[in-house]
Amino acid sequence: MAENRCHIGTVLSGHLPQKRRRGDFLLIECENLSFSYDGKRDAISDISLTLEKGEYLSLLGANGSGKSTLLKVLDLILPYSRGRLSILGMDARDKNARKIIRRNIGFVFQNPEAAFISRTVLDEVMFSPLNFGFSKDEARAMALSALSEFGLDGYDNALLKELSGGEKQRLMLASVFVMESEIIILDEAFSFLDMPSKALLTSAIGKRKRKGAGIISVTHDAEVASSSDRLVLLENGRVRAEGRSEELLKDVELLISSDIRARDEDLFNYVMSGGSYDFS
């Protein structure tokens, strides 16, 4: 596994806690995972990573690094071609297990329009609870709570077509977080949010973490990644580095070489200590 990571990732990761080596603590465990769209060239290659209960993991990388492809493989949207994938302790290739896994993963897409299926706000957020067997009263209570969590109180009967872009983003978050899934996957969920909405999402992530959920967030923004517990840096479909977010993000040279802009404070310290950076 270590051969698939650069030296710095191994150093920053250090010795994994003992509980991360015990399957009953792992929500996701993949080993040498690979996928190809055309059967010739891998979009992701030999990816090995874990996600444990209550952990917030960021996948950081430039455009085309394989972040979104990896998320779709983990969400069972795309079938991996090689390697091993275990989710919630179950083999992801097992058909019966896949039904259970899908029920316990919430996926926030980049484009909310692609995910919506209802006419009104309340119906949209109630859809998943109803689909998974909750009564109408239960689904309504769950939906109203999720809408409130994302600042959409009073929007129950609003039509989706009448919502602003930011409101649609928050509605999509509410429609996923309503299920209290064991695993929540966010594909660039912070990218199109204003600061108050980012604060709402950060609060929701913290709440789910405390309940034991695992969060995976894809981003190309170092500032967003800094709030996560652990970070995996992808480049050309492979894991280039892995470690504690706060430590890895301070390695400005690593981020620059991976076409990632470092946080302003880290970039300032890097330049003041003699490092070179093109601000144009």
C-alpha atoms as a PDB file:
ATOM      1  CA  MET A   1       0.000   0.000   0.000  1.00  0.00           C
ATOM      2  CA  ALA A   2       2.814   2.403   0.886  1.00  0.00           C
ATOM      3  CA  GLU A   3       4.228   2.095  -2.645  1.00  0.00           C
ATOM      4  CA  ASN A   4       1.195   3.972  -3.947  1.00  0.00           C
ATOM      5  CA  ARG A   5       1.941   7.049  -1.838  1.00  0.00           C
ATOM      6  CA  CYS A   6       4.737   9.528  -1.953  1.00  0.00           C
ATOM      7  CA  HIS A   7       7.219   9.693   0.914  1.00  0.00           C
ATOM      8  CA  ILE A   8       5.721  12.788   2.483  1.00  0.00           C
ATOM      9  CA  GLY A   9       2.293  11.181   2.760  1.00  0.00           C
ATOM     10  CA  THR A  10       3.744   8.258   4.664  1.00  0.00           C
ATOM     11  CA  VAL A  11       5.652  10.517   7.029  1.00  0.00           C
ATOM     12  CA  LEU A  12       2.700  12.764   7.811  1.00  0.00           C
ATOM     13  CA  SER A  13       0.318   9.853   8.266  1.00  0.00           C
ATOM     14  CA  GLY A  14       2.646   8.248  10.791  1.00  0.00           C
ATOM     15  CA  HIS A  15       1.450   5.084  12.498  1.00  0.00           C
ATOM     16  CA  LEU A  16      -2.293   4.687  12.078  1.00  0.00           C
ATOM     17  CA  PRO A  17      -4.247   4.335  15.330  1.00  0.00           C
ATOM     18  CA  GLN A  18      -4.941   0.742  16.214  1.00  0.00           C
ATOM     19  CA  LYS A  19      -8.707   1.202  15.832  1.00  0.00           C
ATOM     20  CA  ARG A  20      -8.276   2.174  12.179  1.00  0.00           C
ATOM     21  CA  ARG A  21      -6.894  -1.305  11.533  1.00  0.00           C
ATOM     22  CA  ARG A  22      -9.989  -2.989  12.930  1.00  0.00           C
ATOM     23  CA  GLY A  23     -12.713  -3.578  10.367  1.00  0.00           C
ATOM     24  CA  ASP A  24     -15.547  -2.847  12.791  1.00  0.00           C
ATOM     25  CA  PHE A  25     -14.387   0.778  13.015  1.00  0.00           C
ATOM     26  CA  LEU A  26     -14.039   1.357   9.267  1.00  0.00           C
ATOM     27  CA  LEU A  27     -16.862   2.804   7.235  1.00  0.00           C
ATOM     28  CA  ILE A  28     -14.848   2.590   4.017  1.00  0.00           C
ATOM     29  CA  GLU A  29     -11.744   0.618   3.215  1.00  0.00           C
ATOM     30  CA  CYS A  30     -10.387   0.450  -0.307  1.00  0.00           C
ATOM     31  CA  GLU A  31      -7.160  -1.103  -1.500  1.00  0.00           C
ATOM     32  CA  ASN A  32      -5.469  -0.605  -4.877  1.00  0.00           C
ATOM     33  CA  LEU A  33      -8.765   0.678  -6.332  1.00  0.00           C
ATOM     34  CA  SER A  34      -8.712   1.464 -10.061  1.00  0.00           C
ATOM     35  CA  PHE A  35     -11.236   2.570 -12.679  1.00  0.00           C
ATOM     36  CA  SER A  36     -11.068   3.284 -16.409  1.00  0.00           C
ATOM     37  CA  TYR A  37     -13.713   4.939 -18.556  1.00  0.00           C
ATOM     38  CA  ASP A  38     -12.411   3.478 -21.816  1.00  0.00           C
ATOM     39  CA  GLY A  39     -10.793   0.255 -20.595  1.00  0.00           C
ATOM     40  CA  LYS A  40      -7.366   1.523 -21.609  1.00  0.00           C
ATOM     41  CA  ARG A  41      -6.271   4.412 -19.418  1.00  0.00           C
ATOM     42  CA  ASP A  42      -7.020   4.538 -15.686  1.00  0.00           C
ATOM     43  CA  ALA A  43      -8.935   7.578 -14.433  1.00  0.00           C
ATOM     44  CA  ILE A  44      -7.975   6.500 -10.905  1.00  0.00           C
ATOM     45  CA  SER A  45      -5.229   4.001 -10.213  1.00  0.00           C
ATOM     46  CA  ASP A  46      -4.215   1.980  -7.148  1.00  0.00           C
ATOM     47  CA  ILE A  47      -6.111   4.149  -4.657  1.00  0.00           C
ATOM     48  CA  SER A  48      -5.855   2.925  -1.063  1.00  0.00           C
ATOM     49  CA  LEU A  49      -7.606   4.786   1.746  1.00  0.00           C
ATOM     50  CA  THR A  50      -9.884   4.378   4.757  1.00  0.00           C
ATOM     51  CA  LEU A  51     -12.686   6.323   6.404  1.00  0.00           C
ATOM     52  CA  GLU A  52     -13.559   5.674  10.019  1.00  0.00           C
ATOM     53  CA  LYS A  53     -16.558   6.608  12.137  1.00  0.00           C
ATOM     54  CA  GLY A  54     -16.683  10.272  13.044  1.00  0.00           C
ATOM     55  CA  GLU A  55     -13.934  11.207  10.593  1.00  0.00           C
ATOM     56  CA  TYR A  56     -13.975  14.123   8.142  1.00  0.00           C
ATOM     57  CA  LEU A  57     -11.746  13.383   5.148  1.00  0.00           C
ATOM     58  CA  SER A  58     -10.924  15.842   2.364  1.00  0.00           C
ATOM     59  CA  LEU A  59      -9.938  14.784  -1.138  1.00  0.00           C
ATOM     60  CA  LEU A  60      -7.849  17.628  -2.504  1.00  0.00           C
ATOM     61  CA  GLY A  61      -6.634  17.926  -6.068  1.00  0.00           C
ATOM     62  CA  ALA A  62      -6.575  20.057  -9.201  1.00  0.00           C
ATOM     63  CA  ASN A  63      -9.117  19.627 -12.000  1.00  0.00           C
ATOM     64  CA  GLY A  64      -8.698  16.240 -13.659  1.00  0.00           C
ATOM     65  CA  SER A  65      -6.934  14.667 -10.677  1.00  0.00           C
ATOM     66  CA  GLY A  66      -9.614  11.970 -10.291  1.00  0.00           C
ATOM     67  CA  LYS A  67     -11.517  13.345  -7.286  1.00  0.00           C
ATOM     68  CA  SER A  68     -15.044  13.141  -8.684  1.00  0.00           C
ATOM     69  CA  THR A  69     -14.389   9.789 -10.337  1.00  0.00           C
ATOM     70  CA  LEU A  70     -13.242   8.333  -7.020  1.00  0.00           C
ATOM     71  CA  LEU A  71     -16.375   9.628  -5.289  1.00  0.00           C
ATOM     72  CA  LYS A  72     -18.602   7.986  -7.883  1.00  0.00           C
ATOM     73  CA  VAL A  73     -16.786   4.677  -7.410  1.00  0.00           C
ATOM     74  CA  LEU A  74     -17.206   4.930  -3.639  1.00  0.00           C
ATOM     75  CA  ASP A  75     -20.900   5.729  -4.109  1.00  0.00           C
ATOM     76  CA  LEU A  76     -21.250   2.653  -6.371  1.00  0.00           C
ATOM     77  CA  ILE A  77     -22.225   4.817  -9.344  1.00  0.00           C
ATOM     78  CA  LEU A  78     -19.182   3.598 -11.275  1.00  0.00           C
ATOM     79  CA  PRO A  79     -17.887  -0.010 -11.074  1.00  0.00           C
ATOM     80  CA  TYR A  80     -14.227  -0.300 -10.160  1.00  0.00           C
ATOM     81  CA  SER A  81     -12.133  -2.453 -12.477  1.00  0.00           C
ATOM     82  CA  ARG A  82      -9.423  -3.586 -10.054  1.00  0.00           C
ATOM     83  CA  GLY A  83      -8.767  -3.640  -6.337  1.00  0.00           C
ATOM     84  CA  ARG A  84     -10.914  -4.171  -3.266  1.00  0.00           C
ATOM     85  CA  LEU A  85     -13.652  -2.008  -1.774  1.00  0.00           C
ATOM     86  CA  SER A  86     -15.374  -2.614   1.552  1.00  0.00           C
ATOM     87  CA  ILE A  87     -18.138  -0.276   2.764  1.00  0.00           C
ATOM     88  CA  LEU A  88     -19.744  -0.648   6.187  1.00  0.00           C
ATOM     89  CA  GLY A  89     -17.792  -3.889   6.507  1.00  0.00           C
ATOM     90  CA  MET A  90     -19.404  -5.375   3.375  1.00  0.00           C
ATOM     91  CA  ASP A  91     -17.951  -6.296  -0.010  1.00  0.00           C
ATOM     92  CA  ALA A  92     -19.092  -3.602  -2.457  1.00  0.00           C
ATOM     93  CA  ARG A  93     -19.378  -6.166  -5.253  1.00  0.00           C
ATOM     94  CA  ASP A  94     -22.022  -8.176  -3.370  1.00  0.00           C
ATOM     95  CA  LYS A  95     -25.457  -7.375  -4.824  1.00  0.00           C
ATOM     96  CA  ASN A  96     -27.310  -7.759  -1.531  1.00  0.00           C
ATOM     97  CA  ALA A  97     -24.749  -5.644   0.288  1.00  0.00           C
ATOM     98  CA  ARG A  98     -25.024  -2.886  -2.329  1.00  0.00           C
ATOM     99  CA  LYS A  99     -28.679  -2.302  -1.420  1.00  0.00           C
ATOM    100  CA  ILE A 100     -27.758  -1.739   2.220  1.00  0.00           C
ATOM    101  CA  ILE A 101     -24.736   0.380   1.314  1.00  0.00           C
ATOM    102  CA  ARG A 102     -26.721   2.681  -0.978  1.00  0.00           C
ATOM    103  CA  ARG A 103     -29.260   3.320   1.768  1.00  0.00           C
ATOM    104  CA  ASN A 104     -26.485   4.442   4.096  1.00  0.00           C
ATOM    105  CA  ILE A 105     -24.627   6.815   1.776  1.00  0.00           C
ATOM    106  CA  GLY A 106     -25.732  10.386   1.145  1.00  0.00           C
ATOM    107  CA  PHE A 107     -24.240  12.020  -1.958  1.00  0.00           C
ATOM    108  CA  VAL A 108     -24.256  15.778  -2.597  1.00  0.00           C
ATOM    109  CA  PHE A 109     -23.704  16.427  -6.301  1.00  0.00           C
ATOM    110  CA  GLN A 110     -21.972  19.482  -7.743  1.00  0.00           C
ATOM    111  CA  ASN A 111     -25.034  20.414  -9.777  1.00  0.00           C
ATOM    112  CA  PRO A 112     -28.259  20.499  -7.727  1.00  0.00           C
ATOM    113  CA  GLU A 113     -30.435  20.570 -10.844  1.00  0.00           C
ATOM    114  CA  ALA A 114     -29.268  17.052 -11.691  1.00  0.00           C
ATOM    115  CA  ALA A 115     -30.516  15.705  -8.352  1.00  0.00           C
ATOM    116  CA  PHE A 116     -33.959  17.311  -7.991  1.00  0.00           C
ATOM    117  CA  ILE A 117     -37.066  15.293  -8.830  1.00  0.00           C
ATOM    118  CA  SER A 118     -39.952  17.147  -7.124  1.00  0.00           C
ATOM    119  CA  ARG A 119     -41.915  20.349  -7.702  1.00  0.00           C
ATOM    120  CA  THR A 120     -41.924  21.779  -4.187  1.00  0.00           C
ATOM    121  CA  VAL A 121     -39.230  22.191  -1.566  1.00  0.00           C
ATOM    122  CA  LEU A 122     -40.941  20.057   1.077  1.00  0.00           C
ATOM    123  CA  ASP A 123     -41.677  17.221  -1.358  1.00  0.00           C
ATOM    124  CA  GLU A 124     -38.037  17.200  -2.436  1.00  0.00           C
ATOM    125  CA  VAL A 125     -36.698  16.759   1.087  1.00  0.00           C
ATOM    126  CA  MET A 126     -39.419  14.258   2.031  1.00  0.00           C
ATOM    127  CA  PHE A 127     -38.684  12.038  -0.968  1.00  0.00           C
ATOM    128  CA  SER A 128     -35.814  10.014   0.503  1.00  0.00           C
ATOM    129  CA  PRO A 129     -37.427   9.345   3.908  1.00  0.00           C
ATOM    130  CA  LEU A 130     -40.641   8.222   2.186  1.00  0.00           C
ATOM    131  CA  ASN A 131     -38.677   6.098  -0.265  1.00  0.00           C
ATOM    132  CA  PHE A 132     -36.976   4.292   2.617  1.00  0.00           C
ATOM    133  CA  GLY A 133     -40.141   3.458   4.514  1.00  0.00           C
ATOM    134  CA  PHE A 134     -40.771   6.335   6.924  1.00  0.00           C
ATOM    135  CA  SER A 135     -44.394   7.352   7.409  1.00  0.00           C
ATOM    136  CA  LYS A 136     -45.621  10.615   5.902  1.00  0.00           C
ATOM    137  CA  ASP A 137     -45.703  12.282   9.328  1.00  0.00           C
ATOM    138  CA  GLU A 138     -42.163  11.079  10.116  1.00  0.00           C
ATOM    139  CA  ALA A 139     -40.876  12.183   6.715  1.00  0.00           C
ATOM    140  CA  ARG A 140     -42.478  15.604   7.114  1.00  0.00           C
ATOM    141  CA  ALA A 141     -40.937  16.130  10.554  1.00  0.00           C
ATOM    142  CA  MET A 142     -37.520  15.029   9.282  1.00  0.00           C
ATOM    143  CA  ALA A 143     -37.793  17.311   6.246  1.00  0.00           C
ATOM    144  CA  LEU A 144     -38.825  20.374   8.247  1.00  0.00           C
ATOM    145  CA  SER A 145     -35.901  19.828  10.622  1.00  0.00           C
ATOM    146  CA  ALA A 146     -33.439  19.531   7.713  1.00  0.00           C
ATOM    147  CA  LEU A 147     -34.835  22.633   6.023  1.00  0.00           C
ATOM    148  CA  SER A 148     -34.436  24.589   9.246  1.00  0.00           C
ATOM    149  CA  GLU A 149     -30.864  23.349   9.624  1.00  0.00           C
ATOM    150  CA  PHE A 150     -29.987  24.884   6.262  1.00  0.00           C
ATOM    151  CA  GLY A 151     -31.848  28.149   6.715  1.00  0.00           C
ATOM    152  CA  LEU A 152     -34.901  27.267   4.634  1.00  0.00           C
ATOM    153  CA  ASP A 153     -37.632  27.735   7.237  1.00  0.00           C
ATOM    154  CA  GLY A 154     -40.905  28.765   5.606  1.00  0.00           C
ATOM    155  CA  TYR A 155     -39.935  27.429   2.175  1.00  0.00           C
ATOM    156  CA  ASP A 156     -42.130  24.310   2.513  1.00  0.00           C
ATOM    157  CA  ASN A 157     -44.508  25.101  -0.361  1.00  0.00           C
ATOM    158  CA  ALA A 158     -42.078  27.043  -2.529  1.00  0.00           C
ATOM    159  CA  LEU A 159     -41.589  25.774  -6.074  1.00  0.00           C
ATOM    160  CA  LEU A 160     -38.079  24.663  -6.960  1.00  0.00           C
ATOM    161  CA  LYS A 161     -38.114  26.766 -10.116  1.00  0.00           C
ATOM    162  CA  GLU A 162     -38.598  29.879  -7.989  1.00  0.00           C
ATOM    163  CA  LEU A 163     -35.483  29.330  -5.872  1.00  0.00           C
ATOM    164  CA  SER A 164     -32.236  31.216  -6.322  1.00  0.00           C
ATOM    165  CA  GLY A 165     -29.017  29.367  -7.073  1.00  0.00           C
ATOM    166  CA  GLY A 166     -27.890  29.564  -3.446  1.00  0.00           C
ATOM    167  CA  GLU A 167     -31.256  28.362  -2.173  1.00  0.00           C
ATOM    168  CA  LYS A 168     -31.078  25.373  -4.519  1.00  0.00           C
ATOM    169  CA  GLN A 169     -27.650  24.528  -3.142  1.00  0.00           C
ATOM    170  CA  ARG A 170     -28.977  24.582   0.422  1.00  0.00           C
ATOM    171  CA  LEU A 171     -32.026  22.553  -0.602  1.00  0.00           C
ATOM    172  CA  MET A 172     -29.788  19.877  -2.059  1.00  0.00           C
ATOM    173  CA  LEU A 173     -27.833  19.734   1.192  1.00  0.00           C
ATOM    174  CA  ALA A 174     -31.057  19.449   3.203  1.00  0.00           C
ATOM    175  CA  SER A 175     -32.335  16.647   0.950  1.00  0.00           C
ATOM    176  CA  VAL A 176     -29.171  14.631   1.622  1.00  0.00           C
ATOM    177  CA  PHE A 177     -28.534  15.424   5.301  1.00  0.00           C
ATOM    178  CA  VAL A 178     -32.180  14.640   6.163  1.00  0.00           C
ATOM    179  CA  MET A 179     -31.392  10.897   6.114  1.00  0.00           C
ATOM    180  CA  GLU A 180     -28.642  11.048   8.759  1.00  0.00           C
ATOM    181  CA  SER A 181     -26.585   8.652   6.614  1.00  0.00           C
ATOM    182  CA  GLU A 182     -23.590   6.831   8.059  1.00  0.00           C
ATOM    183  CA  ILE A 183     -21.473   8.108   5.158  1.00  0.00           C
ATOM    184  CA  ILE A 184     -21.913  11.531   3.543  1.00  0.00           C
ATOM    185  CA  ILE A 185     -20.080  12.362   0.317  1.00  0.00           C
ATOM    186  CA  LEU A 186     -19.744  15.989  -0.779  1.00  0.00           C
ATOM    187  CA  ASP A 187     -18.637  16.786  -4.335  1.00  0.00           C
ATOM    188  CA  GLU A 188     -17.392  20.417  -4.257  1.00  0.00           C
ATOM    189  CA  ALA A 189     -20.320  21.233  -1.958  1.00  0.00           C
ATOM    190  CA  PHE A 190     -18.658  24.416  -0.621  1.00  0.00           C
ATOM    191  CA  SER A 191     -17.810  25.878  -4.035  1.00  0.00           C
ATOM    192  CA  PHE A 192     -20.995  27.822  -4.765  1.00  0.00           C
ATOM    193  CA  LEU A 193     -22.047  28.723  -1.231  1.00  0.00           C
ATOM    194  CA  ASP A 194     -21.856  32.175   0.343  1.00  0.00           C
ATOM    195  CA  MET A 195     -20.213  32.539   3.746  1.00  0.00           C
ATOM    196  CA  PRO A 196     -23.394  32.114   5.856  1.00  0.00           C
ATOM    197  CA  SER A 197     -24.280  28.958   3.903  1.00  0.00           C
ATOM    198  CA  LYS A 198     -20.748  27.610   4.317  1.00  0.00           C
ATOM    199  CA  ALA A 199     -21.133  28.120   8.064  1.00  0.00           C
ATOM    200  CA  LEU A 200     -24.406  26.150   8.017  1.00  0.00           C
ATOM    201  CA  LEU A 201     -22.765  23.281   6.125  1.00  0.00           C
ATOM    202  CA  THR A 202     -19.736  23.268   8.437  1.00  0.00           C
ATOM    203  CA  SER A 203     -22.065  23.106  11.440  1.00  0.00           C
ATOM    204  CA  ALA A 204     -24.038  20.236   9.867  1.00  0.00           C
ATOM    205  CA  ILE A 205     -20.829  18.313   9.205  1.00  0.00           C
ATOM    206  CA  GLY A 206     -19.724  18.768  12.823  1.00  0.00           C
ATOM    207  CA  LYS A 207     -23.086  17.548  14.085  1.00  0.00           C
ATOM    208  CA  ARG A 208     -22.922  14.375  11.945  1.00  0.00           C
ATOM    209  CA  LYS A 209     -19.315  13.737  12.978  1.00  0.00           C
ATOM    210  CA  ARG A 210     -20.319  13.800  16.635  1.00  0.00           C
ATOM    211  CA  LYS A 211     -22.988  11.219  15.845  1.00  0.00           C
ATOM    212  CA  GLY A 212     -20.352   8.956  14.274  1.00  0.00           C
ATOM    213  CA  ALA A 213     -20.930   9.602  10.584  1.00  0.00           C
ATOM    214  CA  GLY A 214     -17.996   9.675   8.183  1.00  0.00           C
ATOM    215  CA  ILE A 215     -17.676  12.621   5.795  1.00  0.00           C
ATOM    216  CA  ILE A 216     -15.754  12.712   2.507  1.00  0.00           C
ATOM    217  CA  SER A 217     -15.479  16.106   0.850  1.00  0.00           C
ATOM    218  CA  VAL A 218     -13.950  16.786  -2.561  1.00  0.00           C
ATOM    219  CA  THR A 219     -12.402  20.219  -2.996  1.00  0.00           C
ATOM    220  CA  HIS A 220      -9.649  22.103  -4.791  1.00  0.00           C
ATOM    221  CA  ASP A 221      -9.674  24.765  -2.057  1.00  0.00           C
ATOM    222  CA  ALA A 222      -7.062  24.467   0.692  1.00  0.00           C
ATOM    223  CA  GLU A 223      -9.083  26.743   2.992  1.00  0.00           C
ATOM    224  CA  VAL A 224     -12.064  24.382   2.806  1.00  0.00           C
ATOM    225  CA  ALA A 225      -9.850  21.334   3.355  1.00  0.00           C
ATOM    226  CA  SER A 226      -8.333  22.845   6.503  1.00  0.00           C
ATOM    227  CA  SER A 227     -11.443  22.067   8.558  1.00  0.00           C
ATOM    228  CA  SER A 228     -11.162  18.321   7.874  1.00  0.00           C
ATOM    229  CA  ASP A 229      -9.369  15.807  10.081  1.00  0.00           C
ATOM    230  CA  ARG A 230      -7.356  14.157   7.334  1.00  0.00           C
ATOM    231  CA  LEU A 231      -6.453  14.964   3.774  1.00  0.00           C
ATOM    232  CA  VAL A 232      -5.696  12.878   0.698  1.00  0.00           C
ATOM    233  CA  LEU A 233      -3.988  14.716  -2.157  1.00  0.00           C
ATOM    234  CA  LEU A 234      -4.758  13.281  -5.593  1.00  0.00           C
ATOM    235  CA  GLU A 235      -2.745  13.871  -8.735  1.00  0.00           C
ATOM    236  CA  ASN A 236      -3.257  12.198 -12.104  1.00  0.00           C
ATOM    237  CA  GLY A 237      -5.623   9.660 -10.573  1.00  0.00           C
ATOM    238  CA  ARG A 238      -3.224   8.550  -7.840  1.00  0.00           C
ATOM    239  CA  VAL A 239      -2.660   9.325  -4.177  1.00  0.00           C
ATOM    240  CA  ARG A 240       0.302  11.646  -4.026  1.00  0.00           C
ATOM    241  CA  ALA A 241       0.193  12.397  -0.300  1.00  0.00           C
ATOM    242  CA  GLU A 242      -1.911  11.649   2.746  1.00  0.00           C
ATOM    243  CA  GLY A 243      -1.809  13.007   6.271  1.00  0.00           C
ATOM    244  CA  ARG A 244      -3.361  15.217   8.907  1.00  0.00           C
ATOM    245  CA  SER A 245      -4.918  18.181   7.127  1.00  0.00           C
ATOM    246  CA  GLU A 246      -3.291  20.912   9.195  1.00  0.00           C
ATOM    247  CA  GLU A 247       0.180  19.441   8.680  1.00  0.00           C
ATOM    248  CA  LEU A 248      -0.145  18.627   5.007  1.00  0.00           C
ATOM    249  CA  LEU A 249      -1.590  22.024   4.091  1.00  0.00           C
ATOM    250  CA  LYS A 250       1.486  23.763   5.467  1.00  0.00           C
ATOM    251  CA  ASP A 251       3.631  22.070   2.824  1.00  0.00           C
ATOM    252  CA  VAL A 252       3.256  24.900   0.309  1.00  0.00           C
ATOM    253  CA  GLU A 253       5.788  23.467  -2.136  1.00  0.00           C
ATOM    254  CA  LEU A 254       3.812  20.221  -2.336  1.00  0.00           C
ATOM    255  CA  LEU A 255       0.563  22.090  -2.996  1.00  0.00           C
ATOM    256  CA  ILE A 256       2.135  24.352  -5.615  1.00  0.00           C
ATOM    257  CA  SER A 257       3.615  21.383  -7.437  1.00  0.00           C
ATOM    258  CA  SER A 258       0.130  19.817  -7.499  1.00  0.00           C
ATOM    259  CA  ASP A 259      -1.410  23.023  -8.897  1.00  0.00           C
ATOM    260  CA  ILE A 260      -3.201  23.832  -5.617  1.00  0.00           C
ATOM    261  CA  ARG A 261      -3.169  27.332  -4.160  1.00  0.00           C
ATOM    262  CA  ALA A 262      -2.121  27.228  -0.508  1.00  0.00           C
ATOM    263  CA  ARG A 263      -3.940  29.108   2.231  1.00  0.00           C
ATOM    264  CA  ASP A 264      -3.061  32.815   2.269  1.00  0.00           C
ATOM    265  CA  GLU A 265      -1.320  32.672   5.658  1.00  0.00           C
ATOM    266  CA  ASP A 266       0.775  29.631   4.676  1.00  0.00           C
ATOM    267  CA  LEU A 267       1.613  31.205   1.330  1.00  0.00           C
ATOM    268  CA  PHE A 268       2.692  34.430   3.027  1.00  0.00           C
ATOM    269  CA  ASN A 269       4.956  32.566   5.458  1.00  0.00           C
ATOM    270  CA  TYR A 270       6.397  30.545   2.586  1.00  0.00           C
ATOM    271  CA  VAL A 271       7.274  33.633   0.560  1.00  0.00           C
ATOM    272  CA  MET A 272       8.647  35.491   3.610  1.00  0.00           C
ATOM    273  CA  SER A 273      10.958  32.564   4.307  1.00  0.00           C
ATOM    274  CA  GLY A 274      12.424  32.778   0.810  1.00  0.00           C
ATOM    275  CA  GLY A 275      10.038  30.636  -1.213  1.00  0.00           C
ATOM    276  CA  SER A 276       9.066  31.621  -4.745  1.00  0.00           C
ATOM    277  CA  TYR A 277       5.476  31.979  -5.950  1.00  0.00           C
ATOM    278  CA  ASP A 278       3.959  33.559  -9.058  1.00  0.00           C
ATOM    279  CA  PHE A 279       0.952  35.605  -7.889  1.00  0.00           C
ATOM    280  CA  SER A 280      -0.121  36.518 -11.437  1.00  0.00           C
END
